């Protein structure tokens, strides 16, 4: 099927899904309190800060990794890059 045909046929489905209201689930108060306690903790805030600070580097590495050709059973090049990226920076 041509790309234009797929786009034409999938447009009504996407439109239907996009127009449906989203329904939130009821969450037990104990879970809400647990999530709030975790999000208010200093260790969570420290982790979020570290991830936000390195966000651009993470995105760049993911893009590099996904751009490396890695057909089945021939993933050596991607494995080398993954090892290199996962080493701590000195």
C-alpha atoms as a PDB file:
ATOM      1  CA  UNK A   1       0.000   0.000   0.000  1.00  0.00           C
ATOM      2  CA  UNK A   2       1.331   3.441  -0.868  1.00  0.00           C
ATOM      3  CA  UNK A   3       2.223   5.874   1.905  1.00  0.00           C
ATOM      4  CA  UNK A   4      -0.429   8.326   0.714  1.00  0.00           C
ATOM      5  CA  UNK A   5      -3.088   5.607   0.881  1.00  0.00           C
ATOM      6  CA  UNK A   6      -2.028   4.594   4.391  1.00  0.00           C
ATOM      7  CA  UNK A   7      -2.135   8.219   5.533  1.00  0.00           C
ATOM      8  CA  UNK A   8      -5.559   8.713   3.964  1.00  0.00           C
ATOM      9  CA  UNK A   9      -6.960   5.551   5.558  1.00  0.00           C
ATOM     10  CA  UNK A  10      -5.453   6.184   8.985  1.00  0.00           C
ATOM     11  CA  UNK A  11      -6.550   9.837   9.234  1.00  0.00           C
ATOM     12  CA  UNK A  12     -10.162   9.019  10.293  1.00  0.00           C
ATOM     13  CA  UNK A  13      -8.918   6.601  12.946  1.00  0.00           C
ATOM     14  CA  UNK A  14      -6.493   9.150  14.352  1.00  0.00           C
ATOM     15  CA  UNK A  15      -9.199  11.810  14.317  1.00  0.00           C
ATOM     16  CA  UNK A  16     -11.599   9.531  16.157  1.00  0.00           C
ATOM     17  CA  UNK A  17      -9.048   8.683  18.838  1.00  0.00           C
ATOM     18  CA  UNK A  18      -7.989  12.304  19.247  1.00  0.00           C
ATOM     19  CA  UNK A  19     -11.587  13.433  19.762  1.00  0.00           C
ATOM     20  CA  UNK A  20     -12.357  10.873  22.486  1.00  0.00           C
ATOM     21  CA  UNK A  21     -12.285  12.239  26.007  1.00  0.00           C
ATOM     22  CA  UNK A  22      -9.612  10.872  28.289  1.00  0.00           C
ATOM     23  CA  UNK A  23     -10.866   9.392  31.537  1.00  0.00           C
ATOM     24  CA  UNK A  24      -8.691   9.493  34.639  1.00  0.00           C
ATOM     25  CA  UNK A  25      -8.657   6.489  36.893  1.00  0.00           C
ATOM     26  CA  UNK A  26      -9.554   6.794  40.539  1.00  0.00           C
ATOM     27  CA  UNK A  27      -6.404   6.566  42.617  1.00  0.00           C
ATOM     28  CA  UNK A  28      -6.413   5.398  46.203  1.00  0.00           C
ATOM     29  CA  UNK A  29      -5.330   8.130  48.642  1.00  0.00           C
ATOM     30  CA  UNK A  30      -2.537   5.901  49.985  1.00  0.00           C
ATOM     31  CA  UNK A  31      -0.947   5.793  46.532  1.00  0.00           C
ATOM     32  CA  UNK A  32      -1.292   9.546  46.103  1.00  0.00           C
ATOM     33  CA  UNK A  33       0.393  10.114  49.473  1.00  0.00           C
ATOM     34  CA  UNK A  34       3.207   7.699  48.570  1.00  0.00           C
ATOM     35  CA  UNK A  35       3.861   9.432  45.257  1.00  0.00           C
ATOM     36  CA  UNK A  36       3.814  12.845  46.943  1.00  0.00           C
ATOM     37  CA  UNK A  37       6.248  11.648  49.642  1.00  0.00           C
ATOM     38  CA  UNK A  38       8.629  10.284  46.992  1.00  0.00           C
ATOM     39  CA  UNK A  39       8.437  13.398  44.818  1.00  0.00           C
ATOM     40  CA  UNK A  40       9.050  15.637  47.831  1.00  0.00           C
ATOM     41  CA  UNK A  41      12.127  13.649  48.920  1.00  0.00           C
ATOM     42  CA  UNK A  42      15.570  15.155  48.444  1.00  0.00           C
ATOM     43  CA  UNK A  43      16.883  12.018  46.726  1.00  0.00           C
ATOM     44  CA  UNK A  44      14.136  12.211  44.077  1.00  0.00           C
ATOM     45  CA  UNK A  45      14.824  15.905  43.491  1.00  0.00           C
ATOM     46  CA  UNK A  46      18.551  15.185  43.181  1.00  0.00           C
ATOM     47  CA  UNK A  47      17.895  12.432  40.634  1.00  0.00           C
ATOM     48  CA  UNK A  48      15.561  14.666  38.601  1.00  0.00           C
ATOM     49  CA  UNK A  49      18.129  17.481  38.617  1.00  0.00           C
ATOM     50  CA  UNK A  50      20.864  15.105  37.414  1.00  0.00           C
ATOM     51  CA  UNK A  51      18.673  13.786  34.592  1.00  0.00           C
ATOM     52  CA  UNK A  52      17.620  17.273  33.523  1.00  0.00           C
ATOM     53  CA  UNK A  53      21.201  18.513  33.555  1.00  0.00           C
ATOM     54  CA  UNK A  54      22.322  15.669  31.251  1.00  0.00           C
ATOM     55  CA  UNK A  55      19.169  15.588  29.100  1.00  0.00           C
ATOM     56  CA  UNK A  56      20.832  16.872  25.916  1.00  0.00           C
ATOM     57  CA  UNK A  57      23.690  14.376  26.248  1.00  0.00           C
ATOM     58  CA  UNK A  58      21.226  11.503  26.792  1.00  0.00           C
ATOM     59  CA  UNK A  59      19.231  12.478  23.723  1.00  0.00           C
ATOM     60  CA  UNK A  60      22.394  12.819  21.638  1.00  0.00           C
ATOM     61  CA  UNK A  61      23.622   9.370  22.701  1.00  0.00           C
ATOM     62  CA  UNK A  62      20.267   7.716  21.989  1.00  0.00           C
ATOM     63  CA  UNK A  63      20.230   9.271  18.512  1.00  0.00           C
ATOM     64  CA  UNK A  64      23.798   8.085  17.842  1.00  0.00           C
ATOM     65  CA  UNK A  65      22.939   4.565  18.994  1.00  0.00           C
ATOM     66  CA  UNK A  66      19.805   4.299  16.895  1.00  0.00           C
ATOM     67  CA  UNK A  67      21.554   5.593  13.775  1.00  0.00           C
ATOM     68  CA  UNK A  68      24.123   2.771  13.823  1.00  0.00           C
ATOM     69  CA  UNK A  69      23.068  -0.017  11.448  1.00  0.00           C
ATOM     70  CA  UNK A  70      22.492  -3.193  13.457  1.00  0.00           C
ATOM     71  CA  UNK A  71      20.848  -5.936  11.423  1.00  0.00           C
ATOM     72  CA  UNK A  72      20.098  -9.167  13.315  1.00  0.00           C
ATOM     73  CA  UNK A  73      23.251 -10.992  14.439  1.00  0.00           C
ATOM     74  CA  UNK A  74      25.458  -8.114  13.259  1.00  0.00           C
ATOM     75  CA  UNK A  75      25.147  -5.731  16.199  1.00  0.00           C
ATOM     76  CA  UNK A  76      28.877  -5.512  17.052  1.00  0.00           C
ATOM     77  CA  UNK A  77      29.291  -1.879  15.999  1.00  0.00           C
ATOM     78  CA  UNK A  78      26.280  -0.775  18.063  1.00  0.00           C
ATOM     79  CA  UNK A  79      27.548  -2.848  21.016  1.00  0.00           C
ATOM     80  CA  UNK A  80      30.941  -1.092  20.879  1.00  0.00           C
ATOM     81  CA  UNK A  81      29.278   2.329  20.835  1.00  0.00           C
ATOM     82  CA  UNK A  82      26.943   1.338  23.678  1.00  0.00           C
ATOM     83  CA  UNK A  83      29.915   0.243  25.797  1.00  0.00           C
ATOM     84  CA  UNK A  84      31.749   3.472  25.040  1.00  0.00           C
ATOM     85  CA  UNK A  85      28.699   5.613  25.902  1.00  0.00           C
ATOM     86  CA  UNK A  86      27.941   3.739  29.111  1.00  0.00           C
ATOM     87  CA  UNK A  87      31.412   4.212  30.592  1.00  0.00           C
ATOM     88  CA  UNK A  88      31.592   6.921  33.234  1.00  0.00           C
ATOM     89  CA  UNK A  89      32.978  10.175  31.947  1.00  0.00           C
ATOM     90  CA  UNK A  90      36.351  11.023  33.437  1.00  0.00           C
END
